[in-house]
């Protein structure tokens, strides 16, 4: 299996990267298509947060690289504001890790 990294991509109606007209039902249909394309591009969707009233979406994925995430978006004609590689920062990751002496 290829090494995977974490990514967050963002969408906002103010930037025309999230459709202002979309309903939860329409998003569900779109998401099914996006999920299939992500699988073909080796992108694993971990979580998507959608703020319908604010017109925003935040996608948390794992992929080999940002280009894989970009291709998945392009294939379903979904623009994005940005794709950022991120690391987790939970209490376990941040506060309880072993530090060099």
N, C-alpha and C. Protein backbone atom coordinates (compact mmCIF):
# COMPACT_ATOMS: atom_id res chain seq x y z
N UNK A 1 0.84 -1.18 0.00
CA UNK A 1 0.00 0.00 0.00
C UNK A 1 0.88 1.24 0.00
N UNK A 2 0.47 2.22 -0.75
CA UNK A 2 1.19 3.47 -0.86
C UNK A 2 1.06 4.30 0.43
N UNK A 3 2.12 5.01 0.79
CA UNK A 3 2.06 5.88 1.98
C UNK A 3 1.02 6.96 1.75
N UNK A 4 0.25 7.24 2.79
CA UNK A 4 -0.82 8.22 2.69
C UNK A 4 -0.53 9.40 3.61
N UNK A 5 -1.02 10.56 3.20
CA UNK A 5 -0.89 11.79 3.98
C UNK A 5 -2.29 12.34 4.20
N UNK A 6 -2.43 13.21 5.20
CA UNK A 6 -3.72 13.86 5.47
C UNK A 6 -3.81 15.19 4.71
N UNK A 7 -5.02 15.49 4.22
CA UNK A 7 -5.27 16.74 3.51
C UNK A 7 -6.60 17.33 3.95
N UNK A 8 -6.67 18.65 3.95
CA UNK A 8 -7.93 19.37 4.15
C UNK A 8 -8.11 20.27 2.93
N UNK A 9 -9.30 20.20 2.33
CA UNK A 9 -9.61 21.15 1.27
C UNK A 9 -10.87 21.90 1.65
N UNK A 10 -10.96 23.13 1.16
CA UNK A 10 -12.04 24.01 1.57
C UNK A 10 -12.83 24.52 0.36
N UNK A 11 -14.10 24.81 0.63
CA UNK A 11 -15.02 25.31 -0.40
C UNK A 11 -15.88 26.40 0.23
N UNK A 12 -16.19 27.45 -0.54
CA UNK A 12 -16.96 28.58 0.00
C UNK A 12 -17.76 29.23 -1.13
N UNK A 13 -19.04 29.47 -0.89
CA UNK A 13 -19.87 30.11 -1.91
C UNK A 13 -19.34 31.50 -2.26
N UNK A 14 -18.71 32.18 -1.32
CA UNK A 14 -18.17 33.52 -1.59
C UNK A 14 -17.09 33.50 -2.67
N UNK A 15 -16.45 32.35 -2.84
CA UNK A 15 -15.40 32.19 -3.84
C UNK A 15 -15.86 31.33 -5.02
N UNK A 16 -17.15 31.05 -5.07
CA UNK A 16 -17.73 30.19 -6.12
C UNK A 16 -17.12 28.79 -6.13
N UNK A 17 -16.75 28.30 -4.95
CA UNK A 17 -16.21 26.94 -4.86
C UNK A 17 -17.15 25.99 -4.12
N UNK A 18 -18.32 26.49 -3.76
CA UNK A 18 -19.37 25.66 -3.16
C UNK A 18 -20.69 26.17 -3.70
N UNK A 19 -21.53 25.27 -4.24
CA UNK A 19 -22.78 25.72 -4.86
C UNK A 19 -23.79 26.23 -3.83
N UNK A 20 -24.18 27.49 -3.98
CA UNK A 20 -25.12 28.12 -3.04
C UNK A 20 -26.49 27.45 -3.06
N UNK A 21 -26.84 26.84 -4.16
CA UNK A 21 -28.18 26.26 -4.35
C UNK A 21 -28.31 24.85 -3.78
N UNK A 22 -27.23 24.22 -3.38
CA UNK A 22 -27.29 22.79 -3.06
C UNK A 22 -28.04 22.53 -1.75
N UNK A 23 -28.88 21.51 -1.80
CA UNK A 23 -29.62 21.06 -0.61
C UNK A 23 -28.92 19.83 -0.05
N UNK A 24 -29.24 19.44 1.18
CA UNK A 24 -28.65 18.21 1.71
C UNK A 24 -28.94 17.00 0.82
N UNK A 25 -30.11 16.92 0.23
CA UNK A 25 -30.45 15.80 -0.65
C UNK A 25 -29.60 15.82 -1.91
N UNK A 26 -29.41 17.00 -2.49
CA UNK A 26 -28.57 17.11 -3.68
C UNK A 26 -27.11 16.82 -3.35
N UNK A 27 -26.68 17.25 -2.18
CA UNK A 27 -25.31 16.96 -1.76
C UNK A 27 -25.11 15.46 -1.62
N UNK A 28 -26.11 14.77 -1.10
CA UNK A 28 -26.01 13.31 -0.95
C UNK A 28 -25.79 12.65 -2.30
N UNK A 29 -26.53 13.07 -3.33
CA UNK A 29 -26.35 12.51 -4.67
C UNK A 29 -24.95 12.82 -5.21
N UNK A 30 -24.54 14.08 -5.07
CA UNK A 30 -23.22 14.48 -5.53
C UNK A 30 -22.13 13.69 -4.80
N UNK A 31 -22.29 13.54 -3.49
CA UNK A 31 -21.28 12.88 -2.67
C UNK A 31 -21.07 11.43 -3.09
N UNK A 32 -22.13 10.76 -3.54
CA UNK A 32 -21.99 9.38 -4.02
C UNK A 32 -21.06 9.34 -5.24
N UNK A 33 -21.21 10.30 -6.15
CA UNK A 33 -20.33 10.37 -7.32
C UNK A 33 -18.89 10.68 -6.91
N UNK A 34 -18.76 11.64 -6.01
CA UNK A 34 -17.44 12.04 -5.55
C UNK A 34 -16.73 10.89 -4.85
N UNK A 35 -17.45 10.12 -4.05
CA UNK A 35 -16.87 8.97 -3.35
C UNK A 35 -16.30 7.96 -4.33
N UNK A 36 -17.04 7.68 -5.40
CA UNK A 36 -16.57 6.72 -6.40
C UNK A 36 -15.30 7.21 -7.08
N UNK A 37 -15.27 8.48 -7.44
CA UNK A 37 -14.10 9.05 -8.10
C UNK A 37 -12.90 9.06 -7.14
N UNK A 38 -13.13 9.39 -5.89
CA UNK A 38 -12.04 9.37 -4.91
C UNK A 38 -11.41 7.99 -4.81
N UNK A 39 -12.22 6.95 -4.82
CA UNK A 39 -11.68 5.59 -4.75
C UNK A 39 -10.77 5.31 -5.95
N UNK A 40 -11.16 5.78 -7.12
CA UNK A 40 -10.34 5.58 -8.32
C UNK A 40 -9.03 6.37 -8.26
N UNK A 41 -9.03 7.47 -7.54
CA UNK A 41 -7.83 8.32 -7.43
C UNK A 41 -7.01 8.02 -6.17
N UNK A 42 -7.37 6.96 -5.45
CA UNK A 42 -6.69 6.59 -4.20
C UNK A 42 -6.81 7.65 -3.12
N UNK A 43 -7.97 8.31 -3.08
CA UNK A 43 -8.28 9.30 -2.05
C UNK A 43 -9.29 8.68 -1.10
N UNK A 44 -8.99 8.70 0.18
CA UNK A 44 -9.89 8.16 1.20
C UNK A 44 -10.56 9.33 1.91
N UNK A 45 -11.88 9.40 1.81
CA UNK A 45 -12.62 10.47 2.49
C UNK A 45 -12.78 10.07 3.95
N UNK A 46 -12.23 10.86 4.84
CA UNK A 46 -12.34 10.58 6.27
C UNK A 46 -13.54 11.29 6.89
N UNK A 47 -13.77 12.53 6.45
CA UNK A 47 -14.86 13.31 7.03
C UNK A 47 -15.09 14.53 6.15
N UNK A 48 -16.35 14.92 6.03
CA UNK A 48 -16.71 16.17 5.35
C UNK A 48 -17.64 16.94 6.27
N UNK A 49 -17.30 18.18 6.53
CA UNK A 49 -18.16 19.06 7.33
C UNK A 49 -18.78 20.07 6.37
N UNK A 50 -20.11 20.15 6.38
CA UNK A 50 -20.82 21.07 5.49
C UNK A 50 -21.63 22.04 6.33
N UNK A 51 -21.49 23.32 6.03
CA UNK A 51 -22.30 24.37 6.66
C UNK A 51 -23.19 24.95 5.56
N UNK A 52 -24.35 24.33 5.36
CA UNK A 52 -25.23 24.74 4.26
C UNK A 52 -25.62 26.21 4.36
N UNK A 53 -25.98 26.66 5.54
CA UNK A 53 -26.42 28.06 5.69
C UNK A 53 -25.28 29.06 5.44
N UNK A 54 -24.06 28.67 5.76
CA UNK A 54 -22.91 29.54 5.52
C UNK A 54 -22.31 29.33 4.14
N UNK A 55 -22.73 28.26 3.45
CA UNK A 55 -22.20 27.98 2.12
C UNK A 55 -20.76 27.55 2.12
N UNK A 56 -20.41 26.68 3.07
CA UNK A 56 -19.02 26.23 3.18
C UNK A 56 -18.95 24.72 3.36
N UNK A 57 -17.83 24.16 2.93
CA UNK A 57 -17.55 22.74 3.16
C UNK A 57 -16.06 22.58 3.44
N UNK A 58 -15.75 21.63 4.31
CA UNK A 58 -14.39 21.33 4.71
C UNK A 58 -14.22 19.81 4.60
N UNK A 59 -13.30 19.37 3.76
CA UNK A 59 -13.12 17.94 3.51
C UNK A 59 -11.79 17.48 4.10
N UNK A 60 -11.83 16.40 4.85
CA UNK A 60 -10.65 15.81 5.47
C UNK A 60 -10.42 14.47 4.80
N UNK A 61 -9.29 14.32 4.11
CA UNK A 61 -9.03 13.12 3.34
C UNK A 61 -7.61 12.60 3.60
N UNK A 62 -7.39 11.37 3.13
CA UNK A 62 -6.04 10.80 3.06
C UNK A 62 -5.78 10.49 1.60
N UNK A 63 -4.57 10.76 1.16
CA UNK A 63 -4.20 10.49 -0.23
C UNK A 63 -2.68 10.42 -0.33
N UNK A 64 -2.18 9.85 -1.42
CA UNK A 64 -0.73 9.81 -1.60
C UNK A 64 -0.12 11.21 -1.73
N UNK A 65 -0.88 12.14 -2.35
CA UNK A 65 -0.38 13.49 -2.58
C UNK A 65 -1.54 14.42 -2.88
N UNK A 66 -1.26 15.72 -2.87
CA UNK A 66 -2.30 16.72 -3.13
C UNK A 66 -2.84 16.61 -4.55
N UNK A 67 -2.02 16.17 -5.50
CA UNK A 67 -2.49 16.03 -6.88
C UNK A 67 -3.62 15.02 -6.99
N UNK A 68 -3.58 13.96 -6.19
CA UNK A 68 -4.66 12.97 -6.20
C UNK A 68 -5.97 13.62 -5.76
N UNK A 69 -5.91 14.44 -4.73
CA UNK A 69 -7.10 15.15 -4.25
C UNK A 69 -7.59 16.12 -5.31
N UNK A 70 -6.67 16.85 -5.93
CA UNK A 70 -7.02 17.80 -6.98
C UNK A 70 -7.70 17.11 -8.16
N UNK A 71 -7.15 15.97 -8.59
CA UNK A 71 -7.75 15.23 -9.72
C UNK A 71 -9.16 14.77 -9.40
N UNK A 72 -9.38 14.29 -8.18
CA UNK A 72 -10.73 13.85 -7.79
C UNK A 72 -11.71 15.01 -7.90
N UNK A 73 -11.30 16.18 -7.44
CA UNK A 73 -12.17 17.36 -7.54
C UNK A 73 -12.44 17.72 -8.99
N UNK A 74 -11.40 17.73 -9.80
CA UNK A 74 -11.56 18.10 -11.21
C UNK A 74 -12.49 17.15 -11.93
N UNK A 75 -12.41 15.87 -11.62
CA UNK A 75 -13.23 14.87 -12.31
C UNK A 75 -14.71 15.02 -12.03
N UNK A 76 -15.08 15.64 -10.92
CA UNK A 76 -16.50 15.87 -10.62
C UNK A 76 -16.84 17.36 -10.75
N UNK A 77 -15.95 18.12 -11.37
CA UNK A 77 -16.15 19.57 -11.61
C UNK A 77 -16.42 20.33 -10.32
N UNK A 78 -15.66 20.01 -9.28
CA UNK A 78 -15.81 20.67 -7.99
C UNK A 78 -14.58 21.55 -7.73
N UNK A 79 -14.73 22.87 -7.87
CA UNK A 79 -13.60 23.75 -7.56
C UNK A 79 -13.34 23.78 -6.06
N UNK A 80 -12.18 24.26 -5.68
CA UNK A 80 -11.82 24.34 -4.26
C UNK A 80 -11.03 25.62 -4.03
N UNK A 81 -11.03 26.07 -2.79
CA UNK A 81 -10.24 27.25 -2.42
C UNK A 81 -8.78 26.88 -2.24
N UNK A 82 -8.54 25.73 -1.66
CA UNK A 82 -7.18 25.29 -1.42
C UNK A 82 -7.16 23.87 -0.91
N UNK A 83 -6.03 23.22 -1.10
CA UNK A 83 -5.79 21.88 -0.57
C UNK A 83 -4.51 21.99 0.25
N UNK A 84 -4.58 21.62 1.52
CA UNK A 84 -3.42 21.72 2.40
C UNK A 84 -3.10 20.37 3.02
N UNK A 85 -1.83 20.00 2.98
CA UNK A 85 -1.41 18.82 3.72
C UNK A 85 -1.36 19.20 5.19
N UNK A 86 -1.92 18.35 6.05
CA UNK A 86 -1.99 18.65 7.48
C UNK A 86 -1.51 17.44 8.28
N UNK A 87 -1.17 17.70 9.54
CA UNK A 87 -0.86 16.64 10.50
C UNK A 87 -1.88 16.74 11.62
N UNK A 88 -2.13 15.61 12.26
CA UNK A 88 -3.06 15.64 13.39
C UNK A 88 -2.37 16.27 14.59
N UNK A 89 -3.17 16.90 15.44
CA UNK A 89 -2.64 17.53 16.64
C UNK A 89 -3.60 17.25 17.80
N UNK A 90 -3.75 15.97 18.11
CA UNK A 90 -4.57 15.57 19.24
C UNK A 90 -3.72 15.64 20.51
N UNK A 91 -4.33 15.55 21.68
CA UNK A 91 -3.51 15.51 22.89
C UNK A 91 -2.46 14.40 22.84
N UNK A 92 -2.83 13.26 22.29
CA UNK A 92 -1.86 12.17 22.19
C UNK A 92 -0.70 12.50 21.28
N UNK A 93 -1.00 13.14 20.14
CA UNK A 93 0.05 13.52 19.19
C UNK A 93 0.94 14.62 19.74
N UNK A 94 0.34 15.57 20.41
CA UNK A 94 1.03 16.79 20.79
C UNK A 94 1.64 16.75 22.18
N UNK A 95 0.86 16.29 23.15
CA UNK A 95 1.29 16.44 24.54
C UNK A 95 1.93 15.19 25.15
N UNK A 96 1.65 14.03 24.58
CA UNK A 96 2.14 12.81 25.20
C UNK A 96 3.21 12.10 24.39
N UNK A 97 3.70 12.73 23.36
CA UNK A 97 4.74 12.09 22.55
C UNK A 97 6.06 12.11 23.31
N UNK A 98 6.88 11.16 22.99
CA UNK A 98 8.19 11.11 23.63
C UNK A 98 9.06 12.20 23.03
N UNK A 99 9.70 12.93 23.88
CA UNK A 99 10.58 14.01 23.42
C UNK A 99 12.04 13.57 23.58
N UNK A 100 12.86 14.08 22.69
CA UNK A 100 14.29 13.76 22.77
C UNK A 100 14.86 14.35 24.06
N UNK A 101 15.73 13.58 24.68
CA UNK A 101 16.33 14.03 25.95
C UNK A 101 17.45 15.00 25.71
